[in-house]
Amino acid sequence: EQRLQHLLGQGYPSKLSIDSCSISAICKSANRGDDIAREVIEQAALKLVKALSIAINLFKPQKVEIAGENTEEEKTLLPAIQRCINAQELKEFRHNLQIEISSLN
């Protein structure tokens, strides 16, 4: 949210306004083709995956479930998270690793 507000404040074009920068609004705008919203989602996913990669390397789970406010828009966040995982050096784990959005929000 803060990253998008910063970009909008610098004059980057978006369908969103500074006042409408909730996670849900960002995801919906990204789904509608807003490039800045997509960039913000990709950056958030990358940061999440960097943190997850530590846990994945330590615990070698078969499945990772993600829950919380940021999972509202599964069709936007999950593919971004998956792309970032595939880009990481986790070849041994990513083949069978399931990433899911938890229904326990």
N, C-alpha and C. Protein backbone atom coordinates (compact mmCIF):
# COMPACT_ATOMS: atom_id res chain seq x y z
N GLU A 1 0.82 -1.19 0.00
CA GLU A 1 0.00 0.00 0.00
C GLU A 1 0.87 1.26 0.00
N GLN A 2 1.87 1.26 0.87
CA GLN A 2 2.74 2.44 0.96
C GLN A 2 3.54 2.62 -0.31
N ARG A 3 4.00 1.51 -0.90
CA ARG A 3 4.78 1.58 -2.14
C ARG A 3 3.94 2.21 -3.25
N LEU A 4 2.70 1.79 -3.37
CA LEU A 4 1.82 2.35 -4.41
C LEU A 4 1.55 3.82 -4.15
N GLN A 5 1.30 4.17 -2.91
CA GLN A 5 1.08 5.58 -2.58
C GLN A 5 2.29 6.42 -2.94
N HIS A 6 3.48 5.87 -2.69
CA HIS A 6 4.72 6.58 -3.05
C HIS A 6 4.82 6.77 -4.56
N LEU A 7 4.55 5.71 -5.32
CA LEU A 7 4.63 5.81 -6.78
C LEU A 7 3.60 6.78 -7.34
N LEU A 8 2.39 6.74 -6.80
CA LEU A 8 1.35 7.67 -7.25
C LEU A 8 1.74 9.10 -6.92
N GLY A 9 2.35 9.30 -5.76
CA GLY A 9 2.81 10.63 -5.36
C GLY A 9 3.88 11.17 -6.29
N GLN A 10 4.63 10.27 -6.92
CA GLN A 10 5.67 10.67 -7.87
C GLN A 10 5.11 10.87 -9.28
N GLY A 11 3.81 10.63 -9.44
CA GLY A 11 3.18 10.90 -10.73
C GLY A 11 3.05 9.70 -11.65
N TYR A 12 3.33 8.51 -11.18
CA TYR A 12 3.16 7.33 -12.03
C TYR A 12 1.68 7.14 -12.35
N PRO A 13 1.36 6.80 -13.59
CA PRO A 13 -0.05 6.64 -13.97
C PRO A 13 -0.63 5.34 -13.42
N SER A 14 -1.83 5.42 -12.92
CA SER A 14 -2.53 4.26 -12.39
C SER A 14 -4.02 4.53 -12.39
N LYS A 15 -4.78 3.47 -12.36
CA LYS A 15 -6.23 3.60 -12.25
C LYS A 15 -6.64 3.85 -10.80
N LEU A 16 -5.69 3.67 -9.88
CA LEU A 16 -5.94 3.88 -8.46
C LEU A 16 -5.60 5.31 -8.06
N SER A 17 -6.17 5.75 -6.97
CA SER A 17 -5.81 7.05 -6.41
C SER A 17 -5.09 6.81 -5.09
N ILE A 18 -4.44 7.83 -4.58
CA ILE A 18 -3.73 7.71 -3.30
C ILE A 18 -4.68 7.27 -2.20
N ASP A 19 -5.94 7.66 -2.29
CA ASP A 19 -6.92 7.32 -1.25
C ASP A 19 -7.48 5.90 -1.39
N SER A 20 -7.23 5.24 -2.50
CA SER A 20 -7.80 3.90 -2.71
C SER A 20 -6.70 2.84 -2.85
N CYS A 21 -5.79 2.82 -1.89
CA CYS A 21 -4.64 1.93 -1.98
C CYS A 21 -4.70 0.75 -1.02
N SER A 22 -5.86 0.13 -0.87
CA SER A 22 -5.95 -1.07 -0.04
C SER A 22 -5.41 -2.26 -0.83
N ILE A 23 -5.06 -3.32 -0.13
CA ILE A 23 -4.56 -4.52 -0.81
C ILE A 23 -5.60 -5.04 -1.80
N SER A 24 -6.84 -5.07 -1.38
CA SER A 24 -7.91 -5.55 -2.25
C SER A 24 -8.02 -4.70 -3.51
N ALA A 25 -7.98 -3.38 -3.36
CA ALA A 25 -8.08 -2.47 -4.51
C ALA A 25 -6.87 -2.63 -5.44
N ILE A 26 -5.69 -2.82 -4.86
CA ILE A 26 -4.48 -3.01 -5.67
C ILE A 26 -4.59 -4.29 -6.49
N CYS A 27 -5.03 -5.37 -5.85
CA CYS A 27 -5.19 -6.65 -6.56
C CYS A 27 -6.22 -6.55 -7.68
N LYS A 28 -7.34 -5.92 -7.39
CA LYS A 28 -8.38 -5.78 -8.41
C LYS A 28 -7.89 -4.94 -9.58
N SER A 29 -7.15 -3.88 -9.28
CA SER A 29 -6.62 -3.03 -10.34
C SER A 29 -5.57 -3.79 -11.16
N ALA A 30 -4.76 -4.59 -10.50
CA ALA A 30 -3.77 -5.40 -11.22
C ALA A 30 -4.46 -6.38 -12.16
N ASN A 31 -5.56 -6.96 -11.71
CA ASN A 31 -6.33 -7.88 -12.55
C ASN A 31 -6.92 -7.18 -13.76
N ARG A 32 -7.14 -5.88 -13.66
CA ARG A 32 -7.70 -5.10 -14.78
C ARG A 32 -6.61 -4.52 -15.68
N GLY A 33 -5.35 -4.88 -15.40
CA GLY A 33 -4.27 -4.46 -16.29
C GLY A 33 -3.47 -3.25 -15.86
N ASP A 34 -3.65 -2.79 -14.64
CA ASP A 34 -2.91 -1.63 -14.14
C ASP A 34 -1.45 -2.05 -13.90
N ASP A 35 -0.53 -1.50 -14.70
CA ASP A 35 0.88 -1.89 -14.63
C ASP A 35 1.53 -1.58 -13.29
N ILE A 36 1.21 -0.44 -12.71
CA ILE A 36 1.79 -0.06 -11.42
C ILE A 36 1.28 -1.00 -10.33
N ALA A 37 0.01 -1.32 -10.35
CA ALA A 37 -0.54 -2.26 -9.37
C ALA A 37 0.11 -3.64 -9.53
N ARG A 38 0.31 -4.06 -10.76
CA ARG A 38 0.98 -5.35 -11.00
C ARG A 38 2.40 -5.33 -10.44
N GLU A 39 3.11 -4.25 -10.66
CA GLU A 39 4.48 -4.12 -10.16
C GLU A 39 4.51 -4.20 -8.64
N VAL A 40 3.58 -3.54 -7.99
CA VAL A 40 3.52 -3.56 -6.52
C VAL A 40 3.24 -4.97 -6.03
N ILE A 41 2.34 -5.70 -6.69
CA ILE A 41 2.04 -7.08 -6.31
C ILE A 41 3.27 -7.96 -6.49
N GLU A 42 3.96 -7.81 -7.62
CA GLU A 42 5.16 -8.61 -7.87
C GLU A 42 6.23 -8.35 -6.81
N GLN A 43 6.41 -7.08 -6.44
CA GLN A 43 7.41 -6.74 -5.42
C GLN A 43 7.04 -7.32 -4.07
N ALA A 44 5.76 -7.26 -3.72
CA ALA A 44 5.30 -7.84 -2.45
C ALA A 44 5.50 -9.36 -2.46
N ALA A 45 5.19 -9.99 -3.57
CA ALA A 45 5.37 -11.44 -3.68
C ALA A 45 6.84 -11.81 -3.57
N LEU A 46 7.71 -11.03 -4.18
CA LEU A 46 9.14 -11.30 -4.12
C LEU A 46 9.65 -11.22 -2.68
N LYS A 47 9.22 -10.22 -1.95
CA LYS A 47 9.64 -10.09 -0.55
C LYS A 47 9.12 -11.26 0.28
N LEU A 48 7.89 -11.66 0.05
CA LEU A 48 7.31 -12.79 0.77
C LEU A 48 8.07 -14.08 0.45
N VAL A 49 8.39 -14.29 -0.81
CA VAL A 49 9.09 -15.50 -1.21
C VAL A 49 10.50 -15.55 -0.65
N LYS A 50 11.16 -14.42 -0.57
CA LYS A 50 12.50 -14.40 0.03
C LYS A 50 12.44 -14.88 1.47
N ALA A 51 11.43 -14.45 2.20
CA ALA A 51 11.27 -14.91 3.58
C ALA A 51 10.87 -16.39 3.61
N LEU A 52 9.97 -16.78 2.73
CA LEU A 52 9.53 -18.18 2.68
C LEU A 52 10.66 -19.12 2.30
N SER A 53 11.57 -18.67 1.45
CA SER A 53 12.64 -19.55 0.99
C SER A 53 13.51 -20.02 2.15
N ILE A 54 13.68 -19.18 3.15
CA ILE A 54 14.44 -19.58 4.33
C ILE A 54 13.73 -20.73 5.04
N ALA A 55 12.44 -20.58 5.27
CA ALA A 55 11.66 -21.63 5.93
C ALA A 55 11.61 -22.90 5.07
N ILE A 56 11.48 -22.74 3.77
CA ILE A 56 11.43 -23.89 2.87
C ILE A 56 12.74 -24.66 2.93
N ASN A 57 13.86 -23.95 2.91
CA ASN A 57 15.16 -24.61 2.99
C ASN A 57 15.38 -25.29 4.33
N LEU A 58 14.89 -24.70 5.41
CA LEU A 58 15.06 -25.28 6.74
C LEU A 58 14.17 -26.49 6.99
N PHE A 59 12.89 -26.35 6.64
CA PHE A 59 11.91 -27.36 7.02
C PHE A 59 11.51 -28.32 5.90
N LYS A 60 11.81 -27.96 4.66
CA LYS A 60 11.47 -28.79 3.51
C LYS A 60 10.02 -29.28 3.52
N PRO A 61 9.07 -28.35 3.60
CA PRO A 61 7.66 -28.75 3.66
C PRO A 61 7.16 -29.25 2.31
N GLN A 62 6.07 -29.99 2.35
CA GLN A 62 5.42 -30.43 1.12
C GLN A 62 4.40 -29.41 0.64
N LYS A 63 3.93 -28.58 1.60
CA LYS A 63 2.92 -27.59 1.26
C LYS A 63 3.13 -26.34 2.11
N VAL A 64 2.89 -25.19 1.50
CA VAL A 64 2.93 -23.91 2.21
C VAL A 64 1.55 -23.29 2.07
N GLU A 65 0.95 -22.92 3.21
CA GLU A 65 -0.35 -22.24 3.19
C GLU A 65 -0.13 -20.80 3.62
N ILE A 66 -0.71 -19.91 2.87
CA ILE A 66 -0.58 -18.48 3.15
C ILE A 66 -1.95 -17.96 3.57
N ALA A 67 -1.96 -17.23 4.67
CA ALA A 67 -3.22 -16.70 5.19
C ALA A 67 -3.03 -15.25 5.58
N GLY A 68 -4.13 -14.54 5.73
CA GLY A 68 -4.07 -13.16 6.18
C GLY A 68 -4.74 -12.22 5.21
N GLU A 69 -4.68 -10.95 5.54
CA GLU A 69 -5.33 -9.90 4.75
C GLU A 69 -4.85 -9.89 3.31
N ASN A 70 -3.58 -10.16 3.09
CA ASN A 70 -3.00 -10.05 1.76
C ASN A 70 -3.37 -11.18 0.82
N THR A 71 -4.19 -12.11 1.27
CA THR A 71 -4.59 -13.22 0.41
C THR A 71 -5.98 -13.04 -0.17
N GLU A 72 -6.54 -11.86 -0.03
CA GLU A 72 -7.90 -11.60 -0.51
C GLU A 72 -8.08 -11.91 -1.98
N GLU A 73 -7.12 -11.59 -2.76
CA GLU A 73 -7.24 -11.77 -4.20
C GLU A 73 -6.33 -12.90 -4.68
N GLU A 74 -6.77 -14.11 -4.45
CA GLU A 74 -5.98 -15.30 -4.74
C GLU A 74 -5.49 -15.35 -6.19
N LYS A 75 -6.33 -14.96 -7.13
CA LYS A 75 -5.93 -15.08 -8.53
C LYS A 75 -4.83 -14.10 -8.93
N THR A 76 -4.56 -13.11 -8.11
CA THR A 76 -3.47 -12.18 -8.38
C THR A 76 -2.22 -12.57 -7.61
N LEU A 77 -2.36 -12.79 -6.32
CA LEU A 77 -1.20 -13.03 -5.47
C LEU A 77 -0.57 -14.40 -5.68
N LEU A 78 -1.38 -15.43 -5.78
CA LEU A 78 -0.83 -16.78 -5.89
C LEU A 78 0.05 -16.95 -7.13
N PRO A 79 -0.37 -16.52 -8.31
CA PRO A 79 0.53 -16.62 -9.47
C PRO A 79 1.81 -15.80 -9.30
N ALA A 80 1.71 -14.63 -8.69
CA ALA A 80 2.91 -13.82 -8.46
C ALA A 80 3.86 -14.52 -7.51
N ILE A 81 3.33 -15.12 -6.47
CA ILE A 81 4.15 -15.86 -5.52
C ILE A 81 4.79 -17.06 -6.22
N GLN A 82 4.02 -17.77 -7.02
CA GLN A 82 4.55 -18.93 -7.73
C GLN A 82 5.66 -18.53 -8.70
N ARG A 83 5.50 -17.42 -9.42
CA ARG A 83 6.54 -16.95 -10.34
C ARG A 83 7.82 -16.65 -9.58
N CYS A 84 7.69 -16.02 -8.43
CA CYS A 84 8.87 -15.67 -7.64
C CYS A 84 9.54 -16.92 -7.08
N ILE A 85 8.77 -17.90 -6.66
CA ILE A 85 9.36 -19.16 -6.18
C ILE A 85 10.11 -19.85 -7.31
N ASN A 86 9.52 -19.87 -8.48
CA ASN A 86 10.17 -20.51 -9.62
C ASN A 86 11.46 -19.81 -10.02
N ALA A 87 11.56 -18.52 -9.73
CA ALA A 87 12.76 -17.76 -10.06
C ALA A 87 13.88 -17.96 -9.03
N GLN A 88 13.53 -18.46 -7.85
CA GLN A 88 14.52 -18.67 -6.80
C GLN A 88 15.30 -19.96 -7.07
N GLU A 89 16.41 -20.10 -6.38
CA GLU A 89 17.23 -21.30 -6.50
C GLU A 89 16.71 -22.39 -5.57
N LEU A 90 15.49 -22.80 -5.75
CA LEU A 90 14.87 -23.83 -4.91
C LEU A 90 14.42 -25.00 -5.78
N LYS A 91 15.20 -25.31 -6.78
CA LYS A 91 14.79 -26.32 -7.76
C LYS A 91 14.40 -27.64 -7.12
N GLU A 92 15.14 -28.05 -6.10
CA GLU A 92 14.88 -29.33 -5.45
C GLU A 92 13.49 -29.37 -4.81
N PHE A 93 13.03 -28.23 -4.29
CA PHE A 93 11.79 -28.19 -3.54
C PHE A 93 10.60 -27.71 -4.36
N ARG A 94 10.83 -26.84 -5.31
CA ARG A 94 9.69 -26.21 -5.99
C ARG A 94 8.91 -27.17 -6.87
N HIS A 95 9.52 -28.27 -7.28
CA HIS A 95 8.83 -29.21 -8.16
C HIS A 95 7.59 -29.79 -7.49
N ASN A 96 7.69 -30.19 -6.26
CA ASN A 96 6.57 -30.82 -5.57
C ASN A 96 5.93 -29.92 -4.51
N LEU A 97 6.40 -28.72 -4.38
CA LEU A 97 5.90 -27.82 -3.35
C LEU A 97 4.56 -27.22 -3.75
N GLN A 98 3.57 -27.40 -2.89
CA GLN A 98 2.25 -26.82 -3.14
C GLN A 98 2.15 -25.50 -2.38
N ILE A 99 1.68 -24.48 -3.05
CA ILE A 99 1.43 -23.19 -2.42
C ILE A 99 -0.07 -22.96 -2.50
N GLU A 100 -0.69 -22.74 -1.35
CA GLU A 100 -2.14 -22.56 -1.32
C GLU A 100 -2.51 -21.37 -0.45
N ILE A 101 -3.66 -20.83 -0.74
CA ILE A 101 -4.23 -19.78 0.09
C ILE A 101 -5.11 -20.47 1.13
N SER A 102 -4.86 -20.18 2.38
CA SER A 102 -5.60 -20.81 3.47
C SER A 102 -7.01 -20.24 3.56
N SER A 103 -7.94 -21.08 3.91
CA SER A 103 -9.31 -20.63 4.14
C SER A 103 -9.53 -20.27 5.60
N LEU A 104 -8.47 -20.26 6.39
CA LEU A 104 -8.57 -19.97 7.82
C LEU A 104 -8.31 -18.51 8.14
N ASN A 105 -8.71 -17.61 7.27
CA ASN A 105 -8.45 -16.17 7.48
C ASN A 105 -9.20 -15.64 8.66
